[in-house]
Amino acid sequence: MRVITYGDIMDGGVSVFTSVAKVDENKLIVSFSGVIRIDNPYKHLENYLSELEQLLPKESIETIELDFQELSFCNSNGFYVIMDITELILDTIDGPVVVKRIKDDDWQQETLPILLNIDEPEIEERTTFEEYSEL
């Protein structure tokens, strides 16, 4: 497994949110962890989005895993940046998608399907949710 890129949001010299994109054989694994509470997450994650856009088409990826198990909070501004990250991935890679989420987290249960555009039949057909207990 190798990391192809990552993005983080720093606050007071400490990373409070991190997203890492890794490739394991033909699988893209993107994890989201920490907290997004700031007004303009794009300021911190612009390079990450740009790198994903440049690097993903060069990879031989057949499946996608989006792991939200360690994302403990995301404000409404964070919703938009997560939507942009996942939309970029889903538009670039056609394969099946597994979304790992916490089963007892109301936010993840209610909001992730909206952020991932599950109401679009093409996305719904290729997406599976895996439910986990809180880590």
Protein backbone atom coordinates (compact mmCIF):
# COMPACT_ATOMS: atom_id res chain seq x y z
CA MET A 1 0.00 0.00 0.00
CA ARG A 2 1.27 3.45 -0.83
CA VAL A 3 0.11 6.96 -0.05
CA ILE A 4 -0.46 8.99 -3.20
CA THR A 5 -1.45 12.25 -1.48
CA TYR A 6 -2.97 13.68 1.67
CA GLY A 7 -4.51 16.88 2.93
CA ASP A 8 -4.85 18.28 6.40
CA ILE A 9 -6.22 21.21 8.31
CA MET A 10 -3.93 22.63 10.96
CA ASP A 11 -5.07 24.61 13.98
CA GLY A 12 -2.50 26.02 16.38
CA GLY A 13 0.23 23.85 14.88
CA VAL A 14 -1.78 20.65 15.35
CA SER A 15 -3.48 18.68 12.60
CA VAL A 16 -7.21 18.61 13.41
CA PHE A 17 -8.43 17.01 10.17
CA THR A 18 -6.66 14.69 7.77
CA SER A 19 -7.66 12.91 4.58
CA VAL A 20 -5.26 10.39 3.11
CA ALA A 21 -5.51 8.79 -0.34
CA LYS A 22 -3.75 5.44 -0.66
CA VAL A 23 -3.59 2.80 -3.35
CA ASP A 24 -3.48 -0.88 -2.47
CA GLU A 25 -3.10 -2.86 -5.68
CA ASN A 26 -6.18 -1.73 -7.68
CA LYS A 27 -8.10 -0.20 -4.75
CA LEU A 28 -8.21 3.47 -3.81
CA ILE A 29 -8.60 3.92 -0.05
CA VAL A 30 -9.46 7.42 1.14
CA SER A 31 -9.77 8.02 4.87
CA PHE A 32 -11.22 11.05 6.65
CA SER A 33 -10.33 11.67 10.29
CA GLY A 34 -10.63 14.39 12.88
CA VAL A 35 -12.79 17.49 12.91
CA ILE A 36 -13.68 20.19 10.37
CA ARG A 37 -14.83 23.31 12.22
CA ILE A 38 -13.34 26.14 10.17
CA ASP A 39 -15.04 28.58 7.80
CA ASN A 40 -12.85 27.95 4.75
CA PRO A 41 -11.52 24.39 4.59
CA TYR A 42 -10.65 24.92 0.90
CA LYS A 43 -7.81 27.20 1.94
CA HIS A 44 -6.17 24.19 3.59
CA LEU A 45 -7.29 21.44 1.20
CA GLU A 46 -6.94 23.14 -2.20
CA ASN A 47 -3.62 21.40 -2.94
CA TYR A 48 -5.05 18.03 -1.90
CA LEU A 49 -7.96 18.39 -4.34
CA SER A 50 -5.60 19.49 -7.10
CA GLU A 51 -3.24 16.56 -6.48
CA LEU A 52 -6.14 14.08 -6.47
CA GLU A 53 -7.35 15.49 -9.77
CA GLN A 54 -3.90 15.10 -11.32
CA LEU A 55 -2.92 11.73 -9.80
CA LEU A 56 -6.09 9.62 -9.91
CA PRO A 57 -6.30 9.33 -13.72
CA LYS A 58 -2.74 7.95 -13.76
CA GLU A 59 -3.61 5.08 -11.40
CA SER A 60 -5.08 1.68 -12.30
CA ILE A 61 -7.93 1.76 -9.81
CA GLU A 62 -10.89 -0.60 -10.00
CA THR A 63 -12.55 -0.13 -6.59
CA ILE A 64 -12.95 2.67 -4.06
CA GLU A 65 -13.11 2.60 -0.28
CA LEU A 66 -14.15 5.79 1.53
CA ASP A 67 -13.53 5.49 5.26
CA PHE A 68 -15.35 7.97 7.51
CA GLN A 69 -14.99 6.01 10.77
CA GLU A 70 -12.61 8.52 12.32
CA LEU A 71 -14.36 11.70 11.17
CA SER A 72 -15.84 12.89 14.44
CA PHE A 73 -17.32 16.24 13.37
CA CYS A 74 -17.87 18.23 10.22
CA ASN A 75 -19.54 21.65 10.02
CA SER A 76 -21.56 22.79 7.02
CA ASN A 77 -18.51 24.35 5.36
CA GLY A 78 -16.77 21.00 5.67
CA PHE A 79 -19.70 19.31 3.92
CA TYR A 80 -18.86 21.12 0.73
CA VAL A 81 -15.19 20.19 0.70
CA ILE A 82 -16.04 16.53 1.43
CA MET A 83 -18.58 16.65 -1.39
CA ASP A 84 -15.92 18.01 -3.74
CA ILE A 85 -13.38 15.34 -2.71
CA THR A 86 -15.84 12.47 -3.10
CA GLU A 87 -17.35 13.85 -6.31
CA LEU A 88 -13.89 14.14 -7.86
CA ILE A 89 -13.16 10.53 -6.91
CA LEU A 90 -16.52 9.17 -8.09
CA ASP A 91 -16.30 11.09 -11.38
CA THR A 92 -12.77 9.88 -12.06
CA ILE A 93 -13.15 6.21 -11.11
CA ASP A 94 -16.03 4.07 -12.35
CA GLY A 95 -15.67 1.09 -10.02
CA PRO A 96 -17.69 -0.03 -7.02
CA VAL A 97 -17.58 2.07 -3.85
CA VAL A 98 -17.55 0.87 -0.24
CA VAL A 99 -18.31 3.52 2.38
CA LYS A 100 -17.23 2.72 5.92
CA ARG A 101 -19.21 4.62 8.54
CA ILE A 102 -20.26 4.48 12.18
CA LYS A 103 -23.65 2.81 12.60
CA ASP A 104 -24.68 4.78 15.72
CA ASP A 105 -23.59 8.19 14.45
CA ASP A 106 -26.66 10.15 13.32
CA TRP A 107 -24.56 12.58 11.29
CA GLN A 108 -22.83 9.83 9.33
CA GLN A 109 -26.07 7.91 8.81
CA GLU A 110 -28.09 10.89 7.61
CA THR A 111 -25.55 13.17 5.97
CA LEU A 112 -23.10 10.87 4.16
CA PRO A 113 -25.71 9.59 1.68
CA ILE A 114 -26.50 13.22 0.82
CA LEU A 115 -22.83 14.21 0.47
CA LEU A 116 -22.21 11.22 -1.79
CA ASN A 117 -25.27 11.96 -3.98
CA ILE A 118 -26.76 8.54 -3.30
CA ASP A 119 -30.05 9.76 -4.78
CA GLU A 120 -28.36 9.58 -8.19
CA PRO A 121 -29.11 6.05 -9.46
CA GLU A 122 -25.64 5.58 -10.99
CA ILE A 123 -23.95 6.28 -7.66
CA GLU A 124 -26.49 4.36 -5.58
CA GLU A 125 -26.07 1.24 -7.75
CA ARG A 126 -22.34 1.07 -7.18
CA THR A 127 -22.21 2.10 -3.51
CA THR A 128 -22.32 -0.18 -0.48
CA PHE A 129 -22.27 0.99 3.13
CA GLU A 130 -20.39 -0.97 5.77
CA GLU A 131 -21.50 -0.20 9.30
CA TYR A 132 -19.01 -0.21 12.20
CA SER A 133 -19.14 0.39 15.92
CA GLU A 134 -17.39 3.50 17.12
CA LEU A 135 -13.61 3.04 17.26
